[in-house]
Amino acid sequence: MDINTITQFIGTLGFPIAACCVLFWYLQRESDNHKKEMDGMKEAINANTSIITELKLLIQQLAERIH
């Protein structure tokens, strides 16, 4: 292999390798952001579940008073 072959090889493969590295970094960042969003959603769902449980108990108590 001479220097021209090596230079051509790097020139040909350099962009695809760089693009793959950038895409990998981007996907990792998006995955981390998605995890943070889902953690927030879990907290909201748990809070809603707690409130719904309290409302259910309150409705049951009111229903018992009526009957």
PDB file of N, CA and C in Angstrom:
ATOM      1  N   MET A   1       0.848  -1.179   0.000  1.00  0.00           N
ATOM      2  CA  MET A   1       0.000   0.000   0.000  1.00  0.00           C
ATOM      3  C   MET A   1       0.893   1.241   0.000  1.00  0.00           C
ATOM      4  N   ASP A   2       0.616   2.098  -0.917  1.00  0.00           N
ATOM      5  CA  ASP A   2       1.352   3.353  -0.938  1.00  0.00           C
ATOM      6  C   ASP A   2       0.541   4.435  -0.237  1.00  0.00           C
ATOM      7  N   ILE A   3       1.113   5.600  -0.081  1.00  0.00           N
ATOM      8  CA  ILE A   3       0.479   6.701   0.657  1.00  0.00           C
ATOM      9  C   ILE A   3      -0.792   7.181  -0.024  1.00  0.00           C
ATOM     10  N   ASN A   4      -0.850   7.137  -1.344  1.00  0.00           N
ATOM     11  CA  ASN A   4      -2.057   7.569  -2.062  1.00  0.00           C
ATOM     12  C   ASN A   4      -3.237   6.643  -1.766  1.00  0.00           C
ATOM     13  N   THR A   5      -2.975   5.368  -1.692  1.00  0.00           N
ATOM     14  CA  THR A   5      -4.030   4.402  -1.381  1.00  0.00           C
ATOM     15  C   THR A   5      -4.565   4.640   0.029  1.00  0.00           C
ATOM     16  N   ILE A   6      -3.671   4.874   0.968  1.00  0.00           N
ATOM     17  CA  ILE A   6      -4.079   5.124   2.354  1.00  0.00           C
ATOM     18  C   ILE A   6      -4.878   6.420   2.442  1.00  0.00           C
ATOM     19  N   THR A   7      -4.406   7.472   1.758  1.00  0.00           N
ATOM     20  CA  THR A   7      -5.106   8.752   1.763  1.00  0.00           C
ATOM     21  C   THR A   7      -6.499   8.607   1.148  1.00  0.00           C
ATOM     22  N   GLN A   8      -6.594   7.881   0.048  1.00  0.00           N
ATOM     23  CA  GLN A   8      -7.889   7.660  -0.596  1.00  0.00           C
ATOM     24  C   GLN A   8      -8.808   6.850   0.317  1.00  0.00           C
ATOM     25  N   PHE A   9      -8.251   5.848   0.995  1.00  0.00           N
ATOM     26  CA  PHE A   9      -9.027   5.016   1.905  1.00  0.00           C
ATOM     27  C   PHE A   9      -9.610   5.862   3.042  1.00  0.00           C
ATOM     28  N   ILE A  10      -8.780   6.712   3.654  1.00  0.00           N
ATOM     29  CA  ILE A  10      -9.247   7.582   4.733  1.00  0.00           C
ATOM     30  C   ILE A  10     -10.252   8.600   4.212  1.00  0.00           C
ATOM     31  N   GLY A  11      -9.981   9.161   3.040  1.00  0.00           N
ATOM     32  CA  GLY A  11     -10.900  10.132   2.451  1.00  0.00           C
ATOM     33  C   GLY A  11     -12.246   9.526   2.138  1.00  0.00           C
ATOM     34  N   THR A  12     -12.237   8.299   1.689  1.00  0.00           N
ATOM     35  CA  THR A  12     -13.483   7.621   1.342  1.00  0.00           C
ATOM     36  C   THR A  12     -14.272   7.225   2.586  1.00  0.00           C
ATOM     37  N   LEU A  13     -13.596   6.730   3.585  1.00  0.00           N
ATOM     38  CA  LEU A  13     -14.277   6.239   4.780  1.00  0.00           C
ATOM     39  C   LEU A  13     -14.366   7.267   5.906  1.00  0.00           C
ATOM     40  N   GLY A  14     -13.657   8.357   5.803  1.00  0.00           N
ATOM     41  CA  GLY A  14     -13.630   9.348   6.873  1.00  0.00           C
ATOM     42  C   GLY A  14     -14.999   9.932   7.170  1.00  0.00           C
ATOM     43  N   PHE A  15     -15.716  10.367   6.150  1.00  0.00           N
ATOM     44  CA  PHE A  15     -17.032  10.963   6.378  1.00  0.00           C
ATOM     45  C   PHE A  15     -18.029   9.964   6.945  1.00  0.00           C
ATOM     46  N   PRO A  16     -18.143   8.765   6.379  1.00  0.00           N
ATOM     47  CA  PRO A  16     -19.108   7.817   6.969  1.00  0.00           C
ATOM     48  C   PRO A  16     -18.794   7.472   8.432  1.00  0.00           C
ATOM     49  N   ILE A  17     -17.522   7.349   8.753  1.00  0.00           N
ATOM     50  CA  ILE A  17     -17.158   7.048  10.140  1.00  0.00           C
ATOM     51  C   ILE A  17     -17.521   8.226  11.043  1.00  0.00           C
ATOM     52  N   ALA A  18     -17.203   9.439  10.599  1.00  0.00           N
ATOM     53  CA  ALA A  18     -17.543  10.631  11.385  1.00  0.00           C
ATOM     54  C   ALA A  18     -19.062  10.758  11.530  1.00  0.00           C
ATOM     55  N   ALA A  19     -19.797  10.499  10.463  1.00  0.00           N
ATOM     56  CA  ALA A  19     -21.262  10.586  10.522  1.00  0.00           C
ATOM     57  C   ALA A  19     -21.824   9.559  11.507  1.00  0.00           C
ATOM     58  N   CYS A  20     -21.277   8.357  11.504  1.00  0.00           N
ATOM     59  CA  CYS A  20     -21.733   7.329  12.444  1.00  0.00           C
ATOM     60  C   CYS A  20     -21.449   7.745  13.887  1.00  0.00           C
ATOM     61  N   CYS A  21     -20.297   8.345  14.117  1.00  0.00           N
ATOM     62  CA  CYS A  21     -19.959   8.798  15.467  1.00  0.00           C
ATOM     63  C   CYS A  21     -20.918   9.898  15.922  1.00  0.00           C
ATOM     64  N   VAL A  22     -21.204  10.844  15.051  1.00  0.00           N
ATOM     65  CA  VAL A  22     -22.127  11.926  15.396  1.00  0.00           C
ATOM     66  C   VAL A  22     -23.524  11.375  15.645  1.00  0.00           C
ATOM     67  N   LEU A  23     -23.982  10.457  14.817  1.00  0.00           N
ATOM     68  CA  LEU A  23     -25.302   9.859  15.015  1.00  0.00           C
ATOM     69  C   LEU A  23     -25.368   9.069  16.318  1.00  0.00           C
ATOM     70  N   PHE A  24     -24.306   8.371  16.649  1.00  0.00           N
ATOM     71  CA  PHE A  24     -24.270   7.630  17.914  1.00  0.00           C
ATOM     72  C   PHE A  24     -24.389   8.595  19.083  1.00  0.00           C
ATOM     73  N   TRP A  25     -23.621   9.690  19.050  1.00  0.00           N
ATOM     74  CA  TRP A  25     -23.681  10.694  20.107  1.00  0.00           C
ATOM     75  C   TRP A  25     -25.093  11.277  20.209  1.00  0.00           C
ATOM     76  N   TYR A  26     -25.705  11.590  19.064  1.00  0.00           N
ATOM     77  CA  TYR A  26     -27.044  12.170  19.041  1.00  0.00           C
ATOM     78  C   TYR A  26     -28.078  11.203  19.633  1.00  0.00           C
ATOM     79  N   LEU A  27     -27.986   9.932  19.260  1.00  0.00           N
ATOM     80  CA  LEU A  27     -28.928   8.940  19.790  1.00  0.00           C
ATOM     81  C   LEU A  27     -28.756   8.763  21.297  1.00  0.00           C
ATOM     82  N   GLN A  28     -27.529   8.790  21.782  1.00  0.00           N
ATOM     83  CA  GLN A  28     -27.302   8.691  23.221  1.00  0.00           C
ATOM     84  C   GLN A  28     -27.918   9.876  23.947  1.00  0.00           C
ATOM     85  N   ARG A  29     -27.743  11.074  23.393  1.00  0.00           N
ATOM     86  CA  ARG A  29     -28.297  12.278  24.008  1.00  0.00           C
ATOM     87  C   ARG A  29     -29.826  12.222  24.010  1.00  0.00           C
ATOM     88  N   GLU A  30     -30.414  11.802  22.908  1.00  0.00           N
ATOM     89  CA  GLU A  30     -31.869  11.681  22.824  1.00  0.00           C
ATOM     90  C   GLU A  30     -32.385  10.619  23.799  1.00  0.00           C
ATOM     91  N   SER A  31     -31.644   9.539  23.942  1.00  0.00           N
ATOM     92  CA  SER A  31     -32.037   8.491  24.883  1.00  0.00           C
ATOM     93  C   SER A  31     -32.030   9.018  26.314  1.00  0.00           C
ATOM     94  N   ASP A  32     -31.012   9.789  26.667  1.00  0.00           N
ATOM     95  CA  ASP A  32     -30.952  10.383  28.008  1.00  0.00           C
ATOM     96  C   ASP A  32     -32.106  11.366  28.227  1.00  0.00           C
ATOM     97  N   ASN A  33     -32.395  12.186  27.225  1.00  0.00           N
ATOM     98  CA  ASN A  33     -33.506  13.135  27.339  1.00  0.00           C
ATOM     99  C   ASN A  33     -34.836  12.406  27.482  1.00  0.00           C
ATOM    100  N   HIS A  34     -35.001  11.325  26.729  1.00  0.00           N
ATOM    101  CA  HIS A  34     -36.245  10.550  26.799  1.00  0.00           C
ATOM    102  C   HIS A  34     -36.404   9.926  28.186  1.00  0.00           C
ATOM    103  N   LYS A  35     -35.308   9.437  28.743  1.00  0.00           N
ATOM    104  CA  LYS A  35     -35.372   8.850  30.086  1.00  0.00           C
ATOM    105  C   LYS A  35     -35.811   9.902  31.106  1.00  0.00           C
ATOM    106  N   LYS A  36     -35.283  11.119  31.003  1.00  0.00           N
ATOM    107  CA  LYS A  36     -35.680  12.188  31.917  1.00  0.00           C
ATOM    108  C   LYS A  36     -37.167  12.507  31.755  1.00  0.00           C
ATOM    109  N   GLU A  37     -37.642  12.546  30.506  1.00  0.00           N
ATOM    110  CA  GLU A  37     -39.064  12.816  30.262  1.00  0.00           C
ATOM    111  C   GLU A  37     -39.927  11.716  30.866  1.00  0.00           C
ATOM    112  N   MET A  38     -39.527  10.472  30.680  1.00  0.00           N
ATOM    113  CA  MET A  38     -40.313   9.356  31.205  1.00  0.00           C
ATOM    114  C   MET A  38     -40.303   9.335  32.733  1.00  0.00           C
ATOM    115  N   ASP A  39     -39.189   9.728  33.339  1.00  0.00           N
ATOM    116  CA  ASP A  39     -39.159   9.812  34.803  1.00  0.00           C
ATOM    117  C   ASP A  39     -40.162  10.860  35.292  1.00  0.00           C
ATOM    118  N   GLY A  40     -40.247  11.980  34.583  1.00  0.00           N
ATOM    119  CA  GLY A  40     -41.238  13.003  34.928  1.00  0.00           C
ATOM    120  C   GLY A  40     -42.655  12.490  34.758  1.00  0.00           C
ATOM    121  N   MET A  41     -42.885  11.724  33.697  1.00  0.00           N
ATOM    122  CA  MET A  41     -44.213  11.148  33.470  1.00  0.00           C
ATOM    123  C   MET A  41     -44.572  10.158  34.574  1.00  0.00           C
ATOM    124  N   LYS A  42     -43.605   9.360  35.013  1.00  0.00           N
ATOM    125  CA  LYS A  42     -43.859   8.413  36.098  1.00  0.00           C
ATOM    126  C   LYS A  42     -44.285   9.151  37.367  1.00  0.00           C
ATOM    127  N   GLU A  43     -43.593  10.243  37.666  1.00  0.00           N
ATOM    128  CA  GLU A  43     -43.936  11.021  38.857  1.00  0.00           C
ATOM    129  C   GLU A  43     -45.362  11.578  38.744  1.00  0.00           C
ATOM    130  N   ALA A  44     -45.715  12.086  37.574  1.00  0.00           N
ATOM    131  CA  ALA A  44     -47.053  12.640  37.379  1.00  0.00           C
ATOM    132  C   ALA A  44     -48.113  11.548  37.491  1.00  0.00           C
ATOM    133  N   ILE A  45     -47.859  10.401  36.915  1.00  0.00           N
ATOM    134  CA  ILE A  45     -48.821   9.293  36.979  1.00  0.00           C
ATOM    135  C   ILE A  45     -48.984   8.818  38.418  1.00  0.00           C
ATOM    136  N   ASN A  46     -47.868   8.715  39.150  1.00  0.00           N
ATOM    137  CA  ASN A  46     -47.960   8.295  40.555  1.00  0.00           C
ATOM    138  C   ASN A  46     -48.742   9.309  41.389  1.00  0.00           C
ATOM    139  N   ALA A  47     -48.528  10.592  41.132  1.00  0.00           N
ATOM    140  CA  ALA A  47     -49.274  11.627  41.853  1.00  0.00           C
ATOM    141  C   ALA A  47     -50.757  11.536  41.511  1.00  0.00           C
ATOM    142  N   ASN A  48     -51.075  11.335  40.246  1.00  0.00           N
ATOM    143  CA  ASN A  48     -52.480  11.202  39.839  1.00  0.00           C
ATOM    144  C   ASN A  48     -53.120   9.966  40.456  1.00  0.00           C
ATOM    145  N   THR A  49     -52.386   8.880  40.515  1.00  0.00           N
ATOM    146  CA  THR A  49     -52.911   7.657  41.117  1.00  0.00           C
ATOM    147  C   THR A  49     -53.234   7.885  42.592  1.00  0.00           C
ATOM    148  N   SER A  50     -52.365   8.589  43.264  1.00  0.00           N
ATOM    149  CA  SER A  50     -52.590   8.889  44.677  1.00  0.00           C
ATOM    150  C   SER A  50     -53.844   9.727  44.866  1.00  0.00           C
ATOM    151  N   ILE A  51     -54.003  10.745  44.052  1.00  0.00           N
ATOM    152  CA  ILE A  51     -55.189  11.609  44.148  1.00  0.00           C
ATOM    153  C   ILE A  51     -56.459  10.832  43.811  1.00  0.00           C
ATOM    154  N   ILE A  52     -56.414   9.995  42.807  1.00  0.00           N
ATOM    155  CA  ILE A  52     -57.589   9.200  42.426  1.00  0.00           C
ATOM    156  C   ILE A  52     -57.974   8.247  43.558  1.00  0.00           C
ATOM    157  N   THR A  53     -56.980   7.672  44.210  1.00  0.00           N
ATOM    158  CA  THR A  53     -57.259   6.784  45.345  1.00  0.00           C
ATOM    159  C   THR A  53     -57.944   7.555  46.468  1.00  0.00           C
ATOM    160  N   GLU A  54     -57.441   8.755  46.759  1.00  0.00           N
ATOM    161  CA  GLU A  54     -58.067   9.586  47.785  1.00  0.00           C
ATOM    162  C   GLU A  54     -59.503   9.958  47.404  1.00  0.00           C
ATOM    163  N   LEU A  55     -59.715  10.295  46.152  1.00  0.00           N
ATOM    164  CA  LEU A  55     -61.067  10.629  45.690  1.00  0.00           C
ATOM    165  C   LEU A  55     -62.002   9.432  45.796  1.00  0.00           C
ATOM    166  N   LYS A  56     -61.491   8.262  45.480  1.00  0.00           N
ATOM    167  CA  LYS A  56     -62.300   7.046  45.580  1.00  0.00           C
ATOM    168  C   LYS A  56     -62.739   6.821  47.023  1.00  0.00           C
ATOM    169  N   LEU A  57     -61.813   6.974  47.960  1.00  0.00           N
ATOM    170  CA  LEU A  57     -62.157   6.802  49.372  1.00  0.00           C
ATOM    171  C   LEU A  57     -63.170   7.848  49.832  1.00  0.00           C
ATOM    172  N   LEU A  58     -62.999   9.076  49.385  1.00  0.00           N
ATOM    173  CA  LEU A  58     -63.928  10.139  49.744  1.00  0.00           C
ATOM    174  C   LEU A  58     -65.327   9.853  49.193  1.00  0.00           C
ATOM    175  N   ILE A  59     -65.403   9.400  47.960  1.00  0.00           N
ATOM    176  CA  ILE A  59     -66.697   9.066  47.353  1.00  0.00           C
ATOM    177  C   ILE A  59     -67.352   7.907  48.106  1.00  0.00           C
ATOM    178  N   GLN A  60     -66.559   6.899  48.493  1.00  0.00           N
ATOM    179  CA  GLN A  60     -67.105   5.774  49.256  1.00  0.00           C
ATOM    180  C   GLN A  60     -67.655   6.243  50.603  1.00  0.00           C
ATOM    181  N   GLN A  61     -66.929   7.139  51.259  1.00  0.00           N
ATOM    182  CA  GLN A  61     -67.401   7.652  52.547  1.00  0.00           C
ATOM    183  C   GLN A  61     -68.684   8.447  52.378  1.00  0.00           C
ATOM    184  N   LEU A  62     -68.761   9.262  51.340  1.00  0.00           N
ATOM    185  CA  LEU A  62     -69.985  10.032  51.093  1.00  0.00           C
ATOM    186  C   LEU A  62     -71.149   9.125  50.743  1.00  0.00           C
ATOM    187  N   ALA A  63     -70.893   8.079  49.978  1.00  0.00           N
ATOM    188  CA  ALA A  63     -71.939   7.129  49.606  1.00  0.00           C
ATOM    189  C   ALA A  63     -72.469   6.397  50.842  1.00  0.00           C
ATOM    190  N   GLU A  64     -71.593   6.075  51.777  1.00  0.00           N
ATOM    191  CA  GLU A  64     -72.009   5.399  53.010  1.00  0.00           C
ATOM    192  C   GLU A  64     -72.870   6.321  53.873  1.00  0.00           C
ATOM    193  N   ARG A  65     -72.583   7.597  53.891  1.00  0.00           N
ATOM    194  CA  ARG A  65     -73.362   8.545  54.673  1.00  0.00           C
ATOM    195  C   ARG A  65     -74.772   8.716  54.078  1.00  0.00           C
ATOM    196  N   ILE A  66     -74.858   8.632  52.764  1.00  0.00           N
ATOM    197  CA  ILE A  66     -76.155   8.821  52.100  1.00  0.00           C
ATOM    198  C   ILE A  66     -77.050   7.608  52.372  1.00  0.00           C
ATOM    199  N   HIS A  67     -76.487   6.426  52.401  1.00  0.00           N
ATOM    200  CA  HIS A  67     -77.290   5.215  52.598  1.00  0.00           C
ATOM    201  C   HIS A  67     -77.415   4.961  54.025  1.00  0.00           C
TER     202      HIS A  67
END
